[in-house]
């Protein structure tokens, strides 16, 4: 079953692969130097964006797995001091 999380993980890869192939075709095609320069710039920018968002995504996943440090202390304090 396809979930939203699996789509979020695979969609950037598919779009990135498509844009990479298109820009490589534009670079290798016998067009003018301006078109090749623009395609190369797009390719370099795409690689930078993908790496940047991958770093943010990994940091977010790490943050979601690990509870905040103050939460354990607060939870311990609440269980020790809750004498109702």
C-alpha atoms as a PDB file:
ATOM      1  CA  UNK A   1       0.000   0.000   0.000  1.00  0.00           C
ATOM      2  CA  UNK A   2       1.304   3.418  -0.933  1.00  0.00           C
ATOM      3  CA  UNK A   3       1.483   5.828   1.965  1.00  0.00           C
ATOM      4  CA  UNK A   4       2.097   9.542   1.981  1.00  0.00           C
ATOM      5  CA  UNK A   5       5.500   9.059   3.593  1.00  0.00           C
ATOM      6  CA  UNK A   6       6.639   6.650   0.886  1.00  0.00           C
ATOM      7  CA  UNK A   7       5.504   9.132  -1.778  1.00  0.00           C
ATOM      8  CA  UNK A   8       7.403  11.918  -0.044  1.00  0.00           C
ATOM      9  CA  UNK A   9      10.520   9.757  -0.021  1.00  0.00           C
ATOM     10  CA  UNK A  10      10.374   8.655  -3.664  1.00  0.00           C
ATOM     11  CA  UNK A  11       8.910  11.702  -5.434  1.00  0.00           C
ATOM     12  CA  UNK A  12      12.054  13.876  -5.140  1.00  0.00           C
ATOM     13  CA  UNK A  13      14.163  11.026  -6.517  1.00  0.00           C
ATOM     14  CA  UNK A  14      11.902  10.554  -9.539  1.00  0.00           C
ATOM     15  CA  UNK A  15      11.680  14.280 -10.276  1.00  0.00           C
ATOM     16  CA  UNK A  16      15.414  14.682  -9.712  1.00  0.00           C
ATOM     17  CA  UNK A  17      16.221  11.817 -12.074  1.00  0.00           C
ATOM     18  CA  UNK A  18      13.930  13.244 -14.755  1.00  0.00           C
ATOM     19  CA  UNK A  19      15.400  16.751 -14.503  1.00  0.00           C
ATOM     20  CA  UNK A  20      18.922  15.303 -14.486  1.00  0.00           C
ATOM     21  CA  UNK A  21      18.283  13.344 -17.689  1.00  0.00           C
ATOM     22  CA  UNK A  22      16.705  16.351 -19.393  1.00  0.00           C
ATOM     23  CA  UNK A  23      19.572  18.651 -18.431  1.00  0.00           C
ATOM     24  CA  UNK A  24      22.165  16.092 -19.519  1.00  0.00           C
ATOM     25  CA  UNK A  25      20.422  15.844 -22.886  1.00  0.00           C
ATOM     26  CA  UNK A  26      20.467  19.642 -23.120  1.00  0.00           C
ATOM     27  CA  UNK A  27      24.178  19.712 -22.288  1.00  0.00           C
ATOM     28  CA  UNK A  28      25.077  17.028 -24.822  1.00  0.00           C
ATOM     29  CA  UNK A  29      22.827  18.353 -27.595  1.00  0.00           C
ATOM     30  CA  UNK A  30      24.424  20.466 -30.333  1.00  0.00           C
ATOM     31  CA  UNK A  31      22.809  23.705 -29.206  1.00  0.00           C
ATOM     32  CA  UNK A  32      24.302  27.046 -28.324  1.00  0.00           C
ATOM     33  CA  UNK A  33      26.641  27.670 -25.425  1.00  0.00           C
ATOM     34  CA  UNK A  34      24.026  29.667 -23.514  1.00  0.00           C
ATOM     35  CA  UNK A  35      21.604  26.720 -23.449  1.00  0.00           C
ATOM     36  CA  UNK A  36      24.371  24.384 -22.283  1.00  0.00           C
ATOM     37  CA  UNK A  37      25.423  26.847 -19.586  1.00  0.00           C
ATOM     38  CA  UNK A  38      21.834  27.207 -18.368  1.00  0.00           C
ATOM     39  CA  UNK A  39      21.357  23.416 -18.305  1.00  0.00           C
ATOM     40  CA  UNK A  40      24.583  22.914 -16.389  1.00  0.00           C
ATOM     41  CA  UNK A  41      23.576  25.613 -13.906  1.00  0.00           C
ATOM     42  CA  UNK A  42      20.208  23.931 -13.382  1.00  0.00           C
ATOM     43  CA  UNK A  43      21.907  20.567 -12.852  1.00  0.00           C
ATOM     44  CA  UNK A  44      24.356  21.948 -10.287  1.00  0.00           C
ATOM     45  CA  UNK A  45      21.562  23.815  -8.498  1.00  0.00           C
ATOM     46  CA  UNK A  46      19.420  20.684  -8.425  1.00  0.00           C
ATOM     47  CA  UNK A  47      22.214  18.646  -6.875  1.00  0.00           C
ATOM     48  CA  UNK A  48      22.767  21.316  -4.206  1.00  0.00           C
ATOM     49  CA  UNK A  49      19.045  21.517  -3.411  1.00  0.00           C
ATOM     50  CA  UNK A  50      18.678  17.733  -3.165  1.00  0.00           C
ATOM     51  CA  UNK A  51      21.681  17.445  -0.855  1.00  0.00           C
ATOM     52  CA  UNK A  52      20.433  20.323   1.309  1.00  0.00           C
ATOM     53  CA  UNK A  53      16.914  18.912   1.670  1.00  0.00           C
ATOM     54  CA  UNK A  54      18.266  15.423   2.309  1.00  0.00           C
ATOM     55  CA  UNK A  55      20.297  16.852   5.193  1.00  0.00           C
ATOM     56  CA  UNK A  56      17.218  18.641   6.568  1.00  0.00           C
ATOM     57  CA  UNK A  57      15.080  15.488   6.165  1.00  0.00           C
ATOM     58  CA  UNK A  58      17.615  13.330   8.031  1.00  0.00           C
ATOM     59  CA  UNK A  59      17.877  15.910  10.807  1.00  0.00           C
ATOM     60  CA  UNK A  60      14.086  16.049  11.074  1.00  0.00           C
ATOM     61  CA  UNK A  61      13.807  12.247  11.244  1.00  0.00           C
ATOM     62  CA  UNK A  62      16.509  12.113  13.906  1.00  0.00           C
ATOM     63  CA  UNK A  63      14.721  14.822  15.879  1.00  0.00           C
ATOM     64  CA  UNK A  64      11.382  12.985  15.652  1.00  0.00           C
ATOM     65  CA  UNK A  65      12.856   9.718  16.936  1.00  0.00           C
ATOM     66  CA  UNK A  66      14.641  11.247  19.919  1.00  0.00           C
ATOM     67  CA  UNK A  67      12.590  12.891  22.674  1.00  0.00           C
ATOM     68  CA  UNK A  68      13.641  16.206  24.068  1.00  0.00           C
ATOM     69  CA  UNK A  69      16.123  15.914  26.970  1.00  0.00           C
ATOM     70  CA  UNK A  70      13.981  17.992  29.294  1.00  0.00           C
ATOM     71  CA  UNK A  71      10.999  15.703  28.752  1.00  0.00           C
ATOM     72  CA  UNK A  72      12.600  12.738  30.537  1.00  0.00           C
ATOM     73  CA  UNK A  73      13.496  14.900  33.535  1.00  0.00           C
ATOM     74  CA  UNK A  74      10.024  16.420  33.643  1.00  0.00           C
ATOM     75  CA  UNK A  75       8.370  13.008  33.354  1.00  0.00           C
ATOM     76  CA  UNK A  76      10.530  11.643  36.169  1.00  0.00           C
ATOM     77  CA  UNK A  77       9.755  14.661  38.348  1.00  0.00           C
ATOM     78  CA  UNK A  78       6.010  14.313  37.669  1.00  0.00           C
ATOM     79  CA  UNK A  79       5.960  10.618  38.578  1.00  0.00           C
ATOM     80  CA  UNK A  80       7.913  11.215  41.787  1.00  0.00           C
ATOM     81  CA  UNK A  81       5.808  14.183  42.903  1.00  0.00           C
ATOM     82  CA  UNK A  82       2.362  13.015  41.924  1.00  0.00           C
ATOM     83  CA  UNK A  83       0.834  11.765  45.146  1.00  0.00           C
ATOM     84  CA  UNK A  84      -2.855  12.188  44.579  1.00  0.00           C
END
